[in-house]
């Protein structure tokens, strides 16, 4: 007599339940990671602006003559996180 091979319905349901639990934990953690990465990228985009504005303010004694595209301050650009 041949013995049947395979998984029972209960075993398959247990595996599906485990995958669902791991997904419920993993997907929000991954989304949080993406948000943090976007924030870090955004903050790193502003580093050249901050440095140039600080140098311009020190050279001119204030922020009034410090505009984008002049005095070493980069012109405004767009990133994948900012609107065009």
PDB file of N, CA and C in Angstrom:
ATOM      1  N   UNK A   1       0.845  -1.170   0.000  1.00  0.00           N
ATOM      2  CA  UNK A   1       0.000   0.000   0.000  1.00  0.00           C
ATOM      3  C   UNK A   1       0.897   1.241   0.000  1.00  0.00           C
ATOM      4  N   UNK A   2       0.640   2.136  -0.922  1.00  0.00           N
ATOM      5  CA  UNK A   2       1.435   3.359  -1.013  1.00  0.00           C
ATOM      6  C   UNK A   2       0.963   4.366   0.022  1.00  0.00           C
ATOM      7  N   UNK A   3       1.972   5.012   0.604  1.00  0.00           N
ATOM      8  CA  UNK A   3       1.667   6.038   1.608  1.00  0.00           C
ATOM      9  C   UNK A   3       1.581   7.396   0.899  1.00  0.00           C
ATOM     10  N   UNK A   4       0.549   8.151   1.150  1.00  0.00           N
ATOM     11  CA  UNK A   4       0.404   9.462   0.516  1.00  0.00           C
ATOM     12  C   UNK A   4       1.356  10.455   1.172  1.00  0.00           C
ATOM     13  N   UNK A   5       1.922  11.309   0.342  1.00  0.00           N
ATOM     14  CA  UNK A   5       2.838  12.330   0.841  1.00  0.00           C
ATOM     15  C   UNK A   5       2.204  13.704   0.621  1.00  0.00           C
ATOM     16  N   UNK A   6       2.537  14.635   1.499  1.00  0.00           N
ATOM     17  CA  UNK A   6       2.016  15.991   1.360  1.00  0.00           C
ATOM     18  C   UNK A   6       1.758  16.614   2.718  1.00  0.00           C
ATOM     19  N   UNK A   7       1.262  17.833   2.670  1.00  0.00           N
ATOM     20  CA  UNK A   7       0.980  18.571   3.893  1.00  0.00           C
ATOM     21  C   UNK A   7      -0.515  18.522   4.178  1.00  0.00           C
ATOM     22  N   UNK A   8      -0.829  18.508   5.440  1.00  0.00           N
ATOM     23  CA  UNK A   8      -2.240  18.544   5.817  1.00  0.00           C
ATOM     24  C   UNK A   8      -2.734  19.984   5.779  1.00  0.00           C
ATOM     25  N   UNK A   9      -4.013  20.135   5.786  1.00  0.00           N
ATOM     26  CA  UNK A   9      -4.612  21.471   5.767  1.00  0.00           C
ATOM     27  C   UNK A   9      -4.206  22.263   7.004  1.00  0.00           C
ATOM     28  N   UNK A  10      -4.127  21.621   8.140  1.00  0.00           N
ATOM     29  CA  UNK A  10      -3.736  22.295   9.385  1.00  0.00           C
ATOM     30  C   UNK A  10      -2.310  22.824   9.271  1.00  0.00           C
ATOM     31  N   UNK A  11      -1.402  22.024   8.727  1.00  0.00           N
ATOM     32  CA  UNK A  11      -0.013  22.471   8.574  1.00  0.00           C
ATOM     33  C   UNK A  11       0.072  23.682   7.653  1.00  0.00           C
ATOM     34  N   UNK A  12      -0.659  23.661   6.565  1.00  0.00           N
ATOM     35  CA  UNK A  12      -0.655  24.801   5.646  1.00  0.00           C
ATOM     36  C   UNK A  12      -1.235  26.049   6.298  1.00  0.00           C
ATOM     37  N   UNK A  13      -2.282  25.897   7.072  1.00  0.00           N
ATOM     38  CA  UNK A  13      -2.890  27.041   7.754  1.00  0.00           C
ATOM     39  C   UNK A  13      -1.944  27.627   8.800  1.00  0.00           C
ATOM     40  N   UNK A  14      -1.189  26.784   9.490  1.00  0.00           N
ATOM     41  CA  UNK A  14      -0.219  27.271  10.473  1.00  0.00           C
ATOM     42  C   UNK A  14       0.862  28.081   9.776  1.00  0.00           C
ATOM     43  N   UNK A  15       1.360  27.595   8.650  1.00  0.00           N
ATOM     44  CA  UNK A  15       2.397  28.322   7.904  1.00  0.00           C
ATOM     45  C   UNK A  15       1.854  29.660   7.407  1.00  0.00           C
ATOM     46  N   UNK A  16       0.642  29.675   6.894  1.00  0.00           N
ATOM     47  CA  UNK A  16       0.040  30.929   6.428  1.00  0.00           C
ATOM     48  C   UNK A  16      -0.136  31.902   7.588  1.00  0.00           C
ATOM     49  N   UNK A  17      -0.525  31.398   8.743  1.00  0.00           N
ATOM     50  CA  UNK A  17      -0.656  32.257   9.927  1.00  0.00           C
ATOM     51  C   UNK A  17       0.673  32.852  10.346  1.00  0.00           C
ATOM     52  N   UNK A  18       1.738  32.058  10.317  1.00  0.00           N
ATOM     53  CA  UNK A  18       3.071  32.561  10.677  1.00  0.00           C
ATOM     54  C   UNK A  18       3.515  33.630   9.689  1.00  0.00           C
ATOM     55  N   UNK A  19       3.301  33.396   8.406  1.00  0.00           N
ATOM     56  CA  UNK A  19       3.674  34.391   7.395  1.00  0.00           C
ATOM     57  C   UNK A  19       2.876  35.679   7.592  1.00  0.00           C
ATOM     58  N   UNK A  20       1.614  35.571   7.924  1.00  0.00           N
ATOM     59  CA  UNK A  20       0.786  36.763   8.151  1.00  0.00           C
ATOM     60  C   UNK A  20       1.281  37.561   9.349  1.00  0.00           C
ATOM     61  N   UNK A  21       1.654  36.867  10.415  1.00  0.00           N
ATOM     62  CA  UNK A  21       2.160  37.562  11.610  1.00  0.00           C
ATOM     63  C   UNK A  21       3.476  38.264  11.302  1.00  0.00           C
ATOM     64  N   UNK A  22       4.381  37.576  10.611  1.00  0.00           N
ATOM     65  CA  UNK A  22       5.665  38.196  10.259  1.00  0.00           C
ATOM     66  C   UNK A  22       5.468  39.391   9.330  1.00  0.00           C
ATOM     67  N   UNK A  23       4.528  39.297   8.411  1.00  0.00           N
ATOM     68  CA  UNK A  23       4.243  40.421   7.514  1.00  0.00           C
ATOM     69  C   UNK A  23       3.651  41.598   8.275  1.00  0.00           C
ATOM     70  N   UNK A  24       2.791  41.313   9.228  1.00  0.00           N
ATOM     71  CA  UNK A  24       2.176  42.384  10.016  1.00  0.00           C
ATOM     72  C   UNK A  24       3.216  43.138  10.829  1.00  0.00           C
ATOM     73  N   UNK A  25       4.285  42.474  11.211  1.00  0.00           N
ATOM     74  CA  UNK A  25       5.362  43.129  11.954  1.00  0.00           C
ATOM     75  C   UNK A  25       6.340  43.799  11.000  1.00  0.00           C
ATOM     76  N   UNK A  26       6.671  43.130   9.909  1.00  0.00           N
ATOM     77  CA  UNK A  26       7.722  43.597   9.008  1.00  0.00           C
ATOM     78  C   UNK A  26       7.355  44.771   8.133  1.00  0.00           C
ATOM     79  N   UNK A  27       6.149  44.810   7.615  1.00  0.00           N
ATOM     80  CA  UNK A  27       5.767  45.875   6.681  1.00  0.00           C
ATOM     81  C   UNK A  27       5.761  47.247   7.355  1.00  0.00           C
ATOM     82  N   UNK A  28       5.164  47.434   8.538  1.00  0.00           N
ATOM     83  CA  UNK A  28       5.250  48.755   9.180  1.00  0.00           C
ATOM     84  C   UNK A  28       6.687  49.150   9.535  1.00  0.00           C
ATOM     85  N   UNK A  29       7.508  48.181   9.921  1.00  0.00           N
ATOM     86  CA  UNK A  29       8.902  48.496  10.238  1.00  0.00           C
ATOM     87  C   UNK A  29       9.630  48.974   8.989  1.00  0.00           C
ATOM     88  N   UNK A  30       9.362  48.358   7.862  1.00  0.00           N
ATOM     89  CA  UNK A  30       9.999  48.759   6.610  1.00  0.00           C
ATOM     90  C   UNK A  30       9.517  50.141   6.174  1.00  0.00           C
ATOM     91  N   UNK A  31       8.236  50.425   6.336  1.00  0.00           N
ATOM     92  CA  UNK A  31       7.716  51.748   5.991  1.00  0.00           C
ATOM     93  C   UNK A  31       8.337  52.824   6.875  1.00  0.00           C
ATOM     94  N   UNK A  32       8.530  52.520   8.154  1.00  0.00           N
ATOM     95  CA  UNK A  32       9.189  53.457   9.062  1.00  0.00           C
ATOM     96  C   UNK A  32      10.627  53.696   8.619  1.00  0.00           C
ATOM     97  N   UNK A  33      11.308  52.648   8.192  1.00  0.00           N
ATOM     98  CA  UNK A  33      12.676  52.775   7.688  1.00  0.00           C
ATOM     99  C   UNK A  33      12.710  53.684   6.460  1.00  0.00           C
ATOM    100  N   UNK A  34      11.762  53.529   5.550  1.00  0.00           N
ATOM    101  CA  UNK A  34      11.722  54.379   4.361  1.00  0.00           C
ATOM    102  C   UNK A  34      11.494  55.840   4.724  1.00  0.00           C
ATOM    103  N   UNK A  35      10.630  56.103   5.712  1.00  0.00           N
ATOM    104  CA  UNK A  35      10.400  57.484   6.155  1.00  0.00           C
ATOM    105  C   UNK A  35      11.674  58.095   6.734  1.00  0.00           C
ATOM    106  N   UNK A  36      12.380  57.323   7.554  1.00  0.00           N
ATOM    107  CA  UNK A  36      13.625  57.830   8.139  1.00  0.00           C
ATOM    108  C   UNK A  36      14.677  58.083   7.064  1.00  0.00           C
ATOM    109  N   UNK A  37      14.751  57.218   6.066  1.00  0.00           N
ATOM    110  CA  UNK A  37      15.706  57.408   4.976  1.00  0.00           C
ATOM    111  C   UNK A  37      15.374  58.662   4.175  1.00  0.00           C
ATOM    112  N   UNK A  38      14.090  58.909   3.933  1.00  0.00           N
ATOM    113  CA  UNK A  38      13.682  60.108   3.204  1.00  0.00           C
ATOM    114  C   UNK A  38      14.021  61.362   4.000  1.00  0.00           C
ATOM    115  N   UNK A  39      13.813  61.334   5.308  1.00  0.00           N
ATOM    116  CA  UNK A  39      14.141  62.487   6.146  1.00  0.00           C
ATOM    117  C   UNK A  39      15.643  62.744   6.151  1.00  0.00           C
ATOM    118  N   UNK A  40      16.439  61.694   6.250  1.00  0.00           N
ATOM    119  CA  UNK A  40      17.893  61.846   6.226  1.00  0.00           C
ATOM    120  C   UNK A  40      18.348  62.429   4.898  1.00  0.00           C
ATOM    121  N   UNK A  41      17.774  61.950   3.792  1.00  0.00           N
ATOM    122  CA  UNK A  41      18.123  62.475   2.477  1.00  0.00           C
ATOM    123  C   UNK A  41      17.753  63.947   2.368  1.00  0.00           C
ATOM    124  N   UNK A  42      16.599  64.302   2.875  1.00  0.00           N
ATOM    125  CA  UNK A  42      16.161  65.694   2.843  1.00  0.00           C
ATOM    126  C   UNK A  42      17.092  66.584   3.662  1.00  0.00           C
ATOM    127  N   UNK A  43      17.458  66.127   4.852  1.00  0.00           N
ATOM    128  CA  UNK A  43      18.355  66.919   5.693  1.00  0.00           C
ATOM    129  C   UNK A  43      19.734  67.064   5.058  1.00  0.00           C
ATOM    130  N   UNK A  44      20.216  66.026   4.391  1.00  0.00           N
ATOM    131  CA  UNK A  44      21.514  66.109   3.732  1.00  0.00           C
ATOM    132  C   UNK A  44      21.471  67.043   2.527  1.00  0.00           C
ATOM    133  N   UNK A  45      20.304  67.203   1.925  1.00  0.00           N
ATOM    134  CA  UNK A  45      20.161  68.122   0.801  1.00  0.00           C
ATOM    135  C   UNK A  45      20.374  69.563   1.251  1.00  0.00           C
ATOM    136  N   UNK A  46      20.023  69.873   2.495  1.00  0.00           N
ATOM    137  CA  UNK A  46      20.126  71.245   2.986  1.00  0.00           C
ATOM    138  C   UNK A  46      21.504  71.618   3.513  1.00  0.00           C
ATOM    139  N   UNK A  47      22.422  70.670   3.638  1.00  0.00           N
ATOM    140  CA  UNK A  47      23.745  70.974   4.197  1.00  0.00           C
ATOM    141  C   UNK A  47      24.486  72.026   3.376  1.00  0.00           C
ATOM    142  N   UNK A  48      24.563  71.926   2.028  1.00  0.00           N
ATOM    143  CA  UNK A  48      25.264  72.982   1.276  1.00  0.00           C
ATOM    144  C   UNK A  48      24.613  74.357   1.430  1.00  0.00           C
ATOM    145  N   UNK A  49      23.288  74.397   1.490  1.00  0.00           N
ATOM    146  CA  UNK A  49      22.590  75.673   1.676  1.00  0.00           C
ATOM    147  C   UNK A  49      22.950  76.295   3.024  1.00  0.00           C
ATOM    148  N   UNK A  50      22.916  75.480   4.044  1.00  0.00           N
ATOM    149  CA  UNK A  50      23.203  75.984   5.391  1.00  0.00           C
ATOM    150  C   UNK A  50      24.621  76.547   5.470  1.00  0.00           C
ATOM    151  N   UNK A  51      25.576  75.797   4.945  1.00  0.00           N
ATOM    152  CA  UNK A  51      26.970  76.246   4.985  1.00  0.00           C
ATOM    153  C   UNK A  51      27.148  77.544   4.207  1.00  0.00           C
ATOM    154  N   UNK A  52      26.576  77.603   3.003  1.00  0.00           N
ATOM    155  CA  UNK A  52      26.728  78.802   2.182  1.00  0.00           C
ATOM    156  C   UNK A  52      26.045  80.007   2.816  1.00  0.00           C
ATOM    157  N   UNK A  53      24.886  79.817   3.403  1.00  0.00           N
ATOM    158  CA  UNK A  53      24.179  80.937   4.044  1.00  0.00           C
ATOM    159  C   UNK A  53      24.942  81.420   5.270  1.00  0.00           C
ATOM    160  N   UNK A  54      25.499  80.495   6.041  1.00  0.00           N
ATOM    161  CA  UNK A  54      26.296  80.903   7.207  1.00  0.00           C
ATOM    162  C   UNK A  54      27.510  81.717   6.774  1.00  0.00           C
ATOM    163  N   UNK A  55      28.203  81.268   5.721  1.00  0.00           N
ATOM    164  CA  UNK A  55      29.373  82.010   5.242  1.00  0.00           C
ATOM    165  C   UNK A  55      28.976  83.373   4.687  1.00  0.00           C
ATOM    166  N   UNK A  56      27.871  83.433   3.958  1.00  0.00           N
ATOM    167  CA  UNK A  56      27.399  84.705   3.410  1.00  0.00           C
ATOM    168  C   UNK A  56      27.014  85.663   4.534  1.00  0.00           C
ATOM    169  N   UNK A  57      26.326  85.161   5.544  1.00  0.00           N
ATOM    170  CA  UNK A  57      25.920  86.012   6.663  1.00  0.00           C
ATOM    171  C   UNK A  57      27.133  86.537   7.413  1.00  0.00           C
ATOM    172  N   UNK A  58      28.162  85.710   7.552  1.00  0.00           N
ATOM    173  CA  UNK A  58      29.385  86.176   8.218  1.00  0.00           C
ATOM    174  C   UNK A  58      30.103  87.224   7.383  1.00  0.00           C
ATOM    175  N   UNK A  59      30.130  87.034   6.057  1.00  0.00           N
ATOM    176  CA  UNK A  59      30.825  87.983   5.180  1.00  0.00           C
ATOM    177  C   UNK A  59      30.101  89.323   5.081  1.00  0.00           C
ATOM    178  N   UNK A  60      28.762  89.297   5.063  1.00  0.00           N
ATOM    179  CA  UNK A  60      27.994  90.521   4.841  1.00  0.00           C
ATOM    180  C   UNK A  60      27.353  91.079   6.103  1.00  0.00           C
ATOM    181  N   UNK A  61      27.501  90.418   7.210  1.00  0.00           N
ATOM    182  CA  UNK A  61      26.957  90.926   8.460  1.00  0.00           C
ATOM    183  C   UNK A  61      25.459  90.757   8.614  1.00  0.00           C
ATOM    184  N   UNK A  62      24.858  89.918   7.828  1.00  0.00           N
ATOM    185  CA  UNK A  62      23.415  89.678   7.939  1.00  0.00           C
ATOM    186  C   UNK A  62      22.933  88.799   6.808  1.00  0.00           C
ATOM    187  N   UNK A  63      21.645  88.467   6.843  1.00  0.00           N
ATOM    188  CA  UNK A  63      21.090  87.563   5.841  1.00  0.00           C
ATOM    189  C   UNK A  63      20.468  88.271   4.643  1.00  0.00           C
ATOM    190  N   UNK A  64      20.359  89.595   4.682  1.00  0.00           N
ATOM    191  CA  UNK A  64      19.654  90.319   3.631  1.00  0.00           C
ATOM    192  C   UNK A  64      20.255  90.092   2.241  1.00  0.00           C
ATOM    193  N   UNK A  65      21.584  90.190   2.039  1.00  0.00           N
ATOM    194  CA  UNK A  65      22.104  90.000   0.677  1.00  0.00           C
ATOM    195  C   UNK A  65      22.284  88.531   0.283  1.00  0.00           C
ATOM    196  N   UNK A  66      21.863  87.629   1.110  1.00  0.00           N
ATOM    197  CA  UNK A  66      22.107  86.202   0.860  1.00  0.00           C
ATOM    198  C   UNK A  66      20.901  85.568   0.179  1.00  0.00           C
ATOM    199  N   UNK A  67      20.928  85.523  -1.150  1.00  0.00           N
ATOM    200  CA  UNK A  67      19.846  84.923  -1.925  1.00  0.00           C
ATOM    201  C   UNK A  67      20.355  83.677  -2.635  1.00  0.00           C
ATOM    202  N   UNK A  68      19.423  82.807  -3.026  1.00  0.00           N
ATOM    203  CA  UNK A  68      19.791  81.608  -3.762  1.00  0.00           C
ATOM    204  C   UNK A  68      20.390  81.953  -5.112  1.00  0.00           C
ATOM    205  N   UNK A  69      21.475  81.313  -5.477  1.00  0.00           N
ATOM    206  CA  UNK A  69      22.134  81.558  -6.751  1.00  0.00           C
ATOM    207  C   UNK A  69      23.149  82.683  -6.699  1.00  0.00           C
ATOM    208  N   UNK A  70      23.343  83.322  -5.557  1.00  0.00           N
ATOM    209  CA  UNK A  70      24.341  84.383  -5.434  1.00  0.00           C
ATOM    210  C   UNK A  70      25.142  84.184  -4.159  1.00  0.00           C
ATOM    211  N   UNK A  71      26.310  84.764  -4.118  1.00  0.00           N
ATOM    212  CA  UNK A  71      27.187  84.704  -2.944  1.00  0.00           C
ATOM    213  C   UNK A  71      27.529  83.269  -2.531  1.00  0.00           C
ATOM    214  N   UNK A  72      27.631  82.379  -3.498  1.00  0.00           N
ATOM    215  CA  UNK A  72      27.997  81.000  -3.203  1.00  0.00           C
ATOM    216  C   UNK A  72      26.869  80.123  -2.721  1.00  0.00           C
ATOM    217  N   UNK A  73      25.664  80.658  -2.664  1.00  0.00           N
ATOM    218  CA  UNK A  73      24.514  79.866  -2.222  1.00  0.00           C
ATOM    219  C   UNK A  73      23.958  79.126  -3.440  1.00  0.00           C
ATOM    220  N   UNK A  74      23.813  77.802  -3.350  1.00  0.00           N
ATOM    221  CA  UNK A  74      23.309  77.048  -4.509  1.00  0.00           C
ATOM    222  C   UNK A  74      21.902  77.485  -4.898  1.00  0.00           C
ATOM    223  N   UNK A  75      21.624  77.407  -6.194  1.00  0.00           N
ATOM    224  CA  UNK A  75      20.269  77.690  -6.669  1.00  0.00           C
ATOM    225  C   UNK A  75      19.337  76.589  -6.191  1.00  0.00           C
ATOM    226  N   UNK A  76      18.060  76.904  -6.018  1.00  0.00           N
ATOM    227  CA  UNK A  76      17.113  75.875  -5.570  1.00  0.00           C
ATOM    228  C   UNK A  76      17.061  74.706  -6.549  1.00  0.00           C
ATOM    229  N   UNK A  77      17.049  73.518  -6.016  1.00  0.00           N
ATOM    230  CA  UNK A  77      16.944  72.307  -6.827  1.00  0.00           C
ATOM    231  C   UNK A  77      15.797  71.463  -6.301  1.00  0.00           C
ATOM    232  N   UNK A  78      15.439  70.470  -7.067  1.00  0.00           N
ATOM    233  CA  UNK A  78      14.399  69.547  -6.619  1.00  0.00           C
ATOM    234  C   UNK A  78      15.024  68.186  -6.358  1.00  0.00           C
ATOM    235  N   UNK A  79      14.466  67.478  -5.416  1.00  0.00           N
ATOM    236  CA  UNK A  79      14.875  66.107  -5.149  1.00  0.00           C
ATOM    237  C   UNK A  79      13.662  65.218  -5.359  1.00  0.00           C
ATOM    238  N   UNK A  80      13.838  63.958  -5.161  1.00  0.00           N
ATOM    239  CA  UNK A  80      12.703  63.061  -5.345  1.00  0.00           C
ATOM    240  C   UNK A  80      11.667  63.218  -4.246  1.00  0.00           C
ATOM    241  N   UNK A  81      12.000  63.962  -3.182  1.00  0.00           N
ATOM    242  CA  UNK A  81      11.077  64.146  -2.063  1.00  0.00           C
ATOM    243  C   UNK A  81      10.445  65.525  -2.038  1.00  0.00           C
ATOM    244  N   UNK A  82      10.925  66.432  -2.882  1.00  0.00           N
ATOM    245  CA  UNK A  82      10.359  67.779  -2.882  1.00  0.00           C
ATOM    246  C   UNK A  82       9.606  68.007  -4.187  1.00  0.00           C
ATOM    247  N   UNK A  83       8.587  68.833  -4.162  1.00  0.00           N
ATOM    248  CA  UNK A  83       7.833  69.085  -5.394  1.00  0.00           C
ATOM    249  C   UNK A  83       8.671  69.882  -6.384  1.00  0.00           C
ATOM    250  N   UNK A  84       8.454  69.665  -7.678  1.00  0.00           N
ATOM    251  CA  UNK A  84       9.238  70.397  -8.703  1.00  0.00           C
ATOM    252  C   UNK A  84       8.889  71.860  -8.770  1.00  0.00           C
TER     253      UNK A  84
END
